[in-house]
């Protein structure tokens, strides 16, 4: 169920699917992805169940997606949520993550069934905003996760050295 949509779902009619007797957890999916347009959440979750997936963590990438993730988690017992602002979903005009935006992430994080802050991090491949803005947003959301005692879901693309440096500095200070 990893975000790419229906084409990546295991076929429950495959012979090996019946042999799976372990619980599978999709730890990173985007149940609100465009690839699922036209399908109900119940249909998607039904396919997941038939494939042996018993729990799903749907990922927030911006404020709207985070709110949708929280709603899905409230209404479906097998769904959990993360909330955060992905580097590709920061304001495209280059403005930084605001205190109001961070406060909204924090309010969403206080919701039951939110299990992490994320998807947060750095993406120098798309470069939709400056590296400095991305780093500041990443650090702000790491601090929020620390304050709320939640794990993080990290997005890093073409930014491994900076991601590692930020995480090293963050973990050394905590």
Protein backbone atom coordinates (compact mmCIF):
# COMPACT_ATOMS: atom_id res chain seq x y z
CA UNK A 1 0.00 0.00 0.00
CA UNK A 2 2.98 2.33 -0.14
CA UNK A 3 1.39 5.45 -1.56
CA UNK A 4 1.73 4.48 -5.22
CA UNK A 5 -1.83 3.29 -5.35
CA UNK A 6 -3.88 0.26 -6.22
CA UNK A 7 -1.38 -1.24 -8.66
CA UNK A 8 1.06 -2.03 -5.84
CA UNK A 9 -1.42 -3.84 -3.62
CA UNK A 10 -0.84 -7.58 -3.32
CA UNK A 11 -3.49 -9.62 -5.07
CA UNK A 12 -5.39 -11.51 -2.35
CA UNK A 13 -6.16 -14.24 -4.90
CA UNK A 14 -2.47 -15.10 -5.35
CA UNK A 15 -1.67 -18.55 -3.89
CA UNK A 16 0.99 -17.17 -1.55
CA UNK A 17 -1.47 -14.69 0.00
CA UNK A 18 -3.43 -17.46 1.72
CA UNK A 19 -0.21 -18.84 3.21
CA UNK A 20 0.56 -15.60 5.02
CA UNK A 21 -0.39 -16.09 8.65
CA UNK A 22 1.43 -13.17 10.16
CA UNK A 23 0.11 -9.70 10.76
CA UNK A 24 1.49 -7.19 8.32
CA UNK A 25 1.71 -3.50 9.14
CA UNK A 26 2.09 -0.90 6.42
CA UNK A 27 4.16 1.68 8.28
CA UNK A 28 4.09 4.28 5.52
CA UNK A 29 1.14 4.75 3.21
CA UNK A 30 -0.81 7.66 1.79
CA UNK A 31 -4.45 6.59 1.88
CA UNK A 32 -5.46 9.95 0.44
CA UNK A 33 -3.18 9.64 -2.62
CA UNK A 34 -4.55 10.57 -6.04
CA UNK A 35 -3.94 6.99 -7.15
CA UNK A 36 -6.87 5.95 -4.93
CA UNK A 37 -9.23 8.56 -6.39
CA UNK A 38 -12.63 7.06 -7.05
CA UNK A 39 -12.21 4.36 -4.41
CA UNK A 40 -13.66 4.36 -0.96
CA UNK A 41 -11.42 3.97 2.05
CA UNK A 42 -13.40 0.85 2.94
CA UNK A 43 -12.52 -0.69 -0.44
CA UNK A 44 -8.82 0.10 0.04
CA UNK A 45 -8.79 -1.25 3.58
CA UNK A 46 -10.69 -4.36 2.47
CA UNK A 47 -7.98 -5.12 -0.09
CA UNK A 48 -5.35 -4.56 2.56
CA UNK A 49 -7.08 -6.96 4.97
CA UNK A 50 -7.39 -9.64 2.26
CA UNK A 51 -3.66 -9.26 1.64
CA UNK A 52 -2.91 -9.75 5.34
CA UNK A 53 -2.28 -6.10 6.23
CA UNK A 54 -3.91 -5.54 9.62
CA UNK A 55 -2.62 -2.06 10.52
CA UNK A 56 -1.73 0.95 8.41
CA UNK A 57 0.00 4.22 9.24
CA UNK A 58 -1.16 6.94 6.87
CA UNK A 59 1.28 9.80 6.55
CA UNK A 60 0.61 13.51 6.81
CA UNK A 61 2.69 15.61 4.41
CA UNK A 62 1.10 19.01 4.93
CA UNK A 63 -1.58 20.45 7.19
CA UNK A 64 -4.50 19.30 5.03
CA UNK A 65 -3.10 15.78 4.53
CA UNK A 66 -2.33 15.57 8.25
CA UNK A 67 -5.92 16.48 9.10
CA UNK A 68 -7.17 13.86 6.62
CA UNK A 69 -4.86 11.27 8.17
CA UNK A 70 -6.24 12.04 11.61
CA UNK A 71 -9.84 11.74 10.32
CA UNK A 72 -9.08 8.37 8.70
CA UNK A 73 -7.51 7.11 11.93
CA UNK A 74 -10.55 8.21 13.92
CA UNK A 75 -12.94 6.35 11.64
CA UNK A 76 -11.02 3.13 10.89
CA UNK A 77 -9.68 1.00 13.73
CA UNK A 78 -6.82 -0.38 11.60
CA UNK A 79 -5.51 3.06 10.64
CA UNK A 80 -3.08 5.21 12.62
CA UNK A 81 -1.76 8.63 11.58
CA UNK A 82 1.31 10.80 11.45
CA UNK A 83 1.21 14.58 11.18
CA UNK A 84 3.79 16.97 9.83
CA UNK A 85 4.96 19.08 6.92
CA UNK A 86 7.11 17.40 4.31
CA UNK A 87 9.91 19.52 2.77
CA UNK A 88 8.07 19.43 -0.56
CA UNK A 89 4.97 20.88 1.05
CA UNK A 90 6.54 23.89 2.73
CA UNK A 91 5.36 27.25 1.38
CA UNK A 92 6.53 27.35 -2.22
CA UNK A 93 7.24 31.08 -2.02
CA UNK A 94 10.27 30.32 0.14
CA UNK A 95 8.75 31.57 3.36
CA UNK A 96 9.56 29.56 6.47
CA UNK A 97 7.39 27.27 8.52
CA UNK A 98 5.42 29.66 10.71
CA UNK A 99 4.62 29.38 14.37
CA UNK A 100 0.95 29.07 13.45
CA UNK A 101 1.69 26.15 11.12
CA UNK A 102 3.76 24.44 13.81
CA UNK A 103 0.98 25.03 16.36
CA UNK A 104 -1.49 23.36 13.99
CA UNK A 105 0.81 20.34 13.63
CA UNK A 106 1.06 20.22 17.43
CA UNK A 107 -2.73 20.37 17.84
CA UNK A 108 -3.17 17.53 15.34
CA UNK A 109 -0.45 15.54 17.11
CA UNK A 110 -2.44 15.70 20.35
CA UNK A 111 -5.20 13.70 18.67
CA UNK A 112 -5.58 10.07 19.72
CA UNK A 113 -4.11 7.58 17.21
CA UNK A 114 -1.35 9.93 16.06
CA UNK A 115 1.83 7.88 16.37
CA UNK A 116 4.56 10.14 14.97
CA UNK A 117 5.58 13.51 13.57
CA UNK A 118 6.20 13.27 9.87
CA UNK A 119 6.81 13.10 7.15
CA UNK A 120 9.53 15.67 7.80
CA UNK A 121 13.05 16.16 6.51
CA UNK A 122 14.98 17.46 3.52
CA UNK A 123 14.51 17.12 -0.22
CA UNK A 124 17.19 18.66 -2.42
CA UNK A 125 16.03 16.77 -5.50
CA UNK A 126 12.87 18.80 -6.08
CA UNK A 127 14.20 21.95 -4.39
CA UNK A 128 10.77 23.51 -4.09
CA UNK A 129 12.11 25.82 -1.40
CA UNK A 130 15.56 26.71 -0.13
CA UNK A 131 17.74 24.32 1.82
CA UNK A 132 17.82 26.80 4.71
CA UNK A 133 14.00 26.88 4.93
CA UNK A 134 13.89 23.07 4.78
CA UNK A 135 16.52 22.69 7.50
CA UNK A 136 14.74 25.12 9.82
CA UNK A 137 11.38 23.36 9.32
CA UNK A 138 13.02 19.97 9.92
CA UNK A 139 14.67 21.19 13.13
CA UNK A 140 11.45 22.84 14.36
CA UNK A 141 9.48 19.64 13.81
CA UNK A 142 12.19 17.53 15.45
CA UNK A 143 11.93 19.79 18.49
CA UNK A 144 8.16 19.36 18.47
CA UNK A 145 8.52 15.58 18.33
CA UNK A 146 10.96 15.73 21.24
CA UNK A 147 8.59 17.90 23.27
CA UNK A 148 5.66 15.57 22.56
CA UNK A 149 7.78 12.42 23.01
CA UNK A 150 6.82 11.11 19.57
CA UNK A 151 9.01 9.36 17.01
CA UNK A 152 9.57 10.92 13.59
CA UNK A 153 9.06 9.76 10.02
CA UNK A 154 11.86 11.21 7.92
CA UNK A 155 11.90 12.08 4.24
CA UNK A 156 15.40 12.56 2.82
CA UNK A 157 16.17 12.80 -0.88
CA UNK A 158 19.53 13.92 -2.21
CA UNK A 159 20.18 15.35 1.25
CA UNK A 160 21.77 12.49 3.17
CA UNK A 161 24.74 14.44 4.56
CA UNK A 162 22.60 17.34 5.81
CA UNK A 163 19.94 14.99 7.19
CA UNK A 164 22.58 13.02 9.07
CA UNK A 165 24.24 16.18 10.40
CA UNK A 166 20.92 17.55 11.67
CA UNK A 167 20.01 14.25 13.31
CA UNK A 168 23.48 13.91 14.87
CA UNK A 169 23.32 17.44 16.31
CA UNK A 170 19.74 16.92 17.48
CA UNK A 171 20.43 13.61 19.20
CA UNK A 172 23.64 14.92 20.79
CA UNK A 173 21.69 17.80 22.33
CA UNK A 174 18.96 15.57 23.77
